[in-house]
Amino acid sequence: MSDAGRKLRGISGEQAIRAFQRIGYSVARSRGSHVILEHTERKALVIPRHGSLRPGLLLARVKDAGLTPEEFADLL
C-alpha cells in the first residue's frame, strides 16, 4: 500500500463528508447510504456513509476534489 493510502486508513464516510464541507462542498442530496456533495468550482463527489471507507476509494475522491492526501488529512 502506498504512503498516501496509509494516511487515509480508518476514516469514516461521515468524517470524509465533514472534511470536504470544510473546503466548500455541500450536501446536494442523499440516496440510500450514499451522499452526493457538490461544489461550485470542483467535481461533484459521491461518498458512501459506511463505517470505514476503503483507502483506494477515499484517495480517488480526494484526487477528484483536487487535493493531495496531506491536504485532506489537514482537513480532518
N, C-alpha and C. Protein backbone atom coordinates (compact mmCIF):
# COMPACT_ATOMS: atom_id res chain seq x y z
N MET A 1 0.85 -1.18 0.00
CA MET A 1 0.00 0.00 0.00
C MET A 1 0.89 1.24 0.00
N SER A 2 0.50 2.24 -0.75
CA SER A 2 1.30 3.46 -0.83
C SER A 2 1.21 4.25 0.47
N ASP A 3 2.14 5.18 0.62
CA ASP A 3 2.15 6.03 1.80
C ASP A 3 0.88 6.86 1.88
N ALA A 4 0.39 7.31 0.72
CA ALA A 4 -0.84 8.10 0.69
C ALA A 4 -2.02 7.27 1.19
N GLY A 5 -2.07 6.00 0.79
CA GLY A 5 -3.15 5.12 1.24
C GLY A 5 -3.13 4.89 2.74
N ARG A 6 -1.94 4.81 3.32
CA ARG A 6 -1.85 4.62 4.77
C ARG A 6 -2.40 5.81 5.54
N LYS A 7 -2.21 7.00 5.00
CA LYS A 7 -2.70 8.21 5.67
C LYS A 7 -4.22 8.27 5.67
N LEU A 8 -4.85 7.54 4.77
CA LEU A 8 -6.30 7.61 4.63
C LEU A 8 -7.01 6.39 5.20
N ARG A 9 -6.36 5.64 6.04
CA ARG A 9 -6.98 4.45 6.65
C ARG A 9 -7.85 4.84 7.85
N GLY A 10 -8.94 4.09 8.01
CA GLY A 10 -9.78 4.25 9.20
C GLY A 10 -10.63 5.50 9.22
N ILE A 11 -10.90 6.10 8.09
CA ILE A 11 -11.71 7.31 8.02
C ILE A 11 -13.13 6.92 7.61
N SER A 12 -14.09 7.37 8.39
CA SER A 12 -15.49 7.03 8.10
C SER A 12 -16.05 7.95 7.03
N GLY A 13 -17.17 7.55 6.47
CA GLY A 13 -17.85 8.39 5.49
C GLY A 13 -18.24 9.73 6.07
N GLU A 14 -18.71 9.74 7.31
CA GLU A 14 -19.11 10.99 7.97
C GLU A 14 -17.92 11.92 8.14
N GLN A 15 -16.75 11.37 8.53
CA GLN A 15 -15.55 12.20 8.67
C GLN A 15 -15.15 12.79 7.34
N ALA A 16 -15.22 11.99 6.29
CA ALA A 16 -14.86 12.47 4.96
C ALA A 16 -15.81 13.58 4.51
N ILE A 17 -17.10 13.40 4.74
CA ILE A 17 -18.09 14.41 4.35
C ILE A 17 -17.79 15.73 5.05
N ARG A 18 -17.53 15.69 6.37
CA ARG A 18 -17.22 16.91 7.12
C ARG A 18 -15.94 17.58 6.60
N ALA A 19 -14.94 16.78 6.26
CA ALA A 19 -13.68 17.34 5.74
C ALA A 19 -13.92 18.04 4.41
N PHE A 20 -14.69 17.43 3.52
CA PHE A 20 -14.97 18.06 2.23
C PHE A 20 -15.83 19.32 2.40
N GLN A 21 -16.70 19.33 3.40
CA GLN A 21 -17.51 20.52 3.65
C GLN A 21 -16.64 21.70 4.09
N ARG A 22 -15.51 21.42 4.72
CA ARG A 22 -14.61 22.49 5.17
C ARG A 22 -13.98 23.25 3.99
N ILE A 23 -13.96 22.65 2.80
CA ILE A 23 -13.42 23.35 1.64
C ILE A 23 -14.52 23.82 0.69
N GLY A 24 -15.74 23.84 1.17
CA GLY A 24 -16.82 24.42 0.38
C GLY A 24 -17.81 23.47 -0.25
N TYR A 25 -17.64 22.18 -0.07
CA TYR A 25 -18.63 21.22 -0.58
C TYR A 25 -19.88 21.30 0.28
N SER A 26 -21.02 21.05 -0.34
CA SER A 26 -22.27 20.97 0.41
C SER A 26 -23.04 19.73 -0.04
N VAL A 27 -23.87 19.23 0.86
CA VAL A 27 -24.65 18.04 0.56
C VAL A 27 -25.77 18.44 -0.40
N ALA A 28 -25.74 17.89 -1.59
CA ALA A 28 -26.76 18.18 -2.60
C ALA A 28 -27.97 17.28 -2.40
N ARG A 29 -27.69 16.01 -2.14
CA ARG A 29 -28.77 15.04 -1.91
C ARG A 29 -28.17 13.77 -1.34
N SER A 30 -29.07 12.90 -0.94
CA SER A 30 -28.65 11.63 -0.37
C SER A 30 -29.55 10.55 -0.95
N ARG A 31 -28.94 9.42 -1.27
CA ARG A 31 -29.73 8.31 -1.80
C ARG A 31 -29.23 7.05 -1.13
N GLY A 32 -30.06 6.44 -0.33
CA GLY A 32 -29.64 5.26 0.40
C GLY A 32 -28.52 5.61 1.35
N SER A 33 -27.41 4.89 1.25
CA SER A 33 -26.29 5.16 2.15
C SER A 33 -25.21 6.01 1.48
N HIS A 34 -25.54 6.67 0.38
CA HIS A 34 -24.56 7.50 -0.33
C HIS A 34 -24.99 8.96 -0.32
N VAL A 35 -24.01 9.84 -0.14
CA VAL A 35 -24.24 11.28 -0.12
C VAL A 35 -23.55 11.89 -1.32
N ILE A 36 -24.25 12.77 -2.02
CA ILE A 36 -23.68 13.47 -3.17
C ILE A 36 -23.32 14.87 -2.70
N LEU A 37 -22.03 15.20 -2.83
CA LEU A 37 -21.53 16.51 -2.44
C LEU A 37 -21.27 17.32 -3.70
N GLU A 38 -21.66 18.60 -3.67
CA GLU A 38 -21.41 19.48 -4.81
C GLU A 38 -20.63 20.69 -4.37
N HIS A 39 -19.88 21.24 -5.32
CA HIS A 39 -19.05 22.43 -5.10
C HIS A 39 -19.20 23.28 -6.34
N THR A 40 -19.13 24.60 -6.19
CA THR A 40 -19.33 25.49 -7.34
C THR A 40 -18.20 25.38 -8.36
N GLU A 41 -16.98 25.05 -7.91
CA GLU A 41 -15.84 25.04 -8.82
C GLU A 41 -15.14 23.69 -8.95
N ARG A 42 -15.60 22.70 -8.22
CA ARG A 42 -14.93 21.40 -8.23
C ARG A 42 -15.91 20.31 -8.65
N LYS A 43 -15.37 19.15 -8.96
CA LYS A 43 -16.16 17.99 -9.37
C LYS A 43 -17.06 17.51 -8.23
N ALA A 44 -18.27 17.07 -8.57
CA ALA A 44 -19.18 16.50 -7.57
C ALA A 44 -18.60 15.17 -7.07
N LEU A 45 -18.88 14.85 -5.81
CA LEU A 45 -18.35 13.63 -5.19
C LEU A 45 -19.49 12.80 -4.63
N VAL A 46 -19.36 11.49 -4.74
CA VAL A 46 -20.31 10.56 -4.11
C VAL A 46 -19.54 9.85 -3.00
N ILE A 47 -20.01 10.03 -1.76
CA ILE A 47 -19.35 9.46 -0.59
C ILE A 47 -20.30 8.47 0.07
N PRO A 48 -19.89 7.22 0.23
CA PRO A 48 -20.74 6.27 0.95
C PRO A 48 -20.68 6.55 2.46
N ARG A 49 -21.80 6.42 3.12
CA ARG A 49 -21.86 6.60 4.57
C ARG A 49 -21.65 5.25 5.24
N HIS A 50 -20.45 4.73 5.11
CA HIS A 50 -20.13 3.45 5.70
C HIS A 50 -19.20 3.66 6.89
N GLY A 51 -19.03 2.62 7.69
CA GLY A 51 -18.18 2.72 8.87
C GLY A 51 -16.80 3.23 8.55
N SER A 52 -16.06 2.50 7.74
CA SER A 52 -14.70 2.89 7.41
C SER A 52 -14.54 2.76 5.89
N LEU A 53 -14.15 3.86 5.25
CA LEU A 53 -14.01 3.85 3.80
C LEU A 53 -12.71 3.16 3.40
N ARG A 54 -12.73 2.47 2.29
CA ARG A 54 -11.51 1.85 1.78
C ARG A 54 -10.56 2.94 1.32
N PRO A 55 -9.28 2.81 1.64
CA PRO A 55 -8.32 3.86 1.29
C PRO A 55 -8.28 4.20 -0.20
N GLY A 56 -8.42 3.22 -1.07
CA GLY A 56 -8.40 3.48 -2.50
C GLY A 56 -9.56 4.34 -2.95
N LEU A 57 -10.74 4.06 -2.42
CA LEU A 57 -11.92 4.85 -2.76
C LEU A 57 -11.75 6.28 -2.26
N LEU A 58 -11.30 6.43 -1.02
CA LEU A 58 -11.13 7.76 -0.46
C LEU A 58 -10.04 8.53 -1.21
N LEU A 59 -8.96 7.87 -1.56
CA LEU A 59 -7.89 8.53 -2.31
C LEU A 59 -8.41 9.03 -3.65
N ALA A 60 -9.25 8.25 -4.31
CA ALA A 60 -9.84 8.67 -5.58
C ALA A 60 -10.70 9.91 -5.40
N ARG A 61 -11.50 9.97 -4.33
CA ARG A 61 -12.35 11.14 -4.07
C ARG A 61 -11.51 12.36 -3.72
N VAL A 62 -10.43 12.16 -2.99
CA VAL A 62 -9.52 13.26 -2.64
C VAL A 62 -8.92 13.84 -3.91
N LYS A 63 -8.49 12.99 -4.82
CA LYS A 63 -7.92 13.46 -6.08
C LYS A 63 -8.98 14.14 -6.94
N ASP A 64 -10.21 13.60 -6.95
CA ASP A 64 -11.30 14.23 -7.70
C ASP A 64 -11.56 15.65 -7.20
N ALA A 65 -11.35 15.87 -5.90
CA ALA A 65 -11.57 17.19 -5.30
C ALA A 65 -10.38 18.12 -5.53
N GLY A 66 -9.32 17.60 -6.15
CA GLY A 66 -8.16 18.43 -6.43
C GLY A 66 -7.24 18.62 -5.24
N LEU A 67 -7.28 17.68 -4.29
CA LEU A 67 -6.46 17.76 -3.09
C LEU A 67 -5.38 16.69 -3.10
N THR A 68 -4.36 16.90 -2.30
CA THR A 68 -3.38 15.85 -2.04
C THR A 68 -3.83 15.14 -0.77
N PRO A 69 -3.35 13.92 -0.53
CA PRO A 69 -3.70 13.23 0.72
C PRO A 69 -3.31 14.04 1.95
N GLU A 70 -2.20 14.75 1.88
CA GLU A 70 -1.75 15.57 3.01
C GLU A 70 -2.71 16.72 3.27
N GLU A 71 -3.17 17.37 2.19
CA GLU A 71 -4.13 18.47 2.35
C GLU A 71 -5.43 17.95 2.95
N PHE A 72 -5.86 16.79 2.49
CA PHE A 72 -7.10 16.21 3.03
C PHE A 72 -6.92 15.86 4.50
N ALA A 73 -5.79 15.27 4.85
CA ALA A 73 -5.54 14.90 6.26
C ALA A 73 -5.59 16.13 7.16
N ASP A 74 -5.13 17.28 6.67
CA ASP A 74 -5.20 18.52 7.46
C ASP A 74 -6.64 18.97 7.70
N LEU A 75 -7.58 18.55 6.84
CA LEU A 75 -8.97 18.93 6.98
C LEU A 75 -9.73 18.08 8.01
N LEU A 76 -9.16 16.94 8.35
CA LEU A 76 -9.86 16.03 9.27
C LEU A 76 -9.88 16.57 10.69
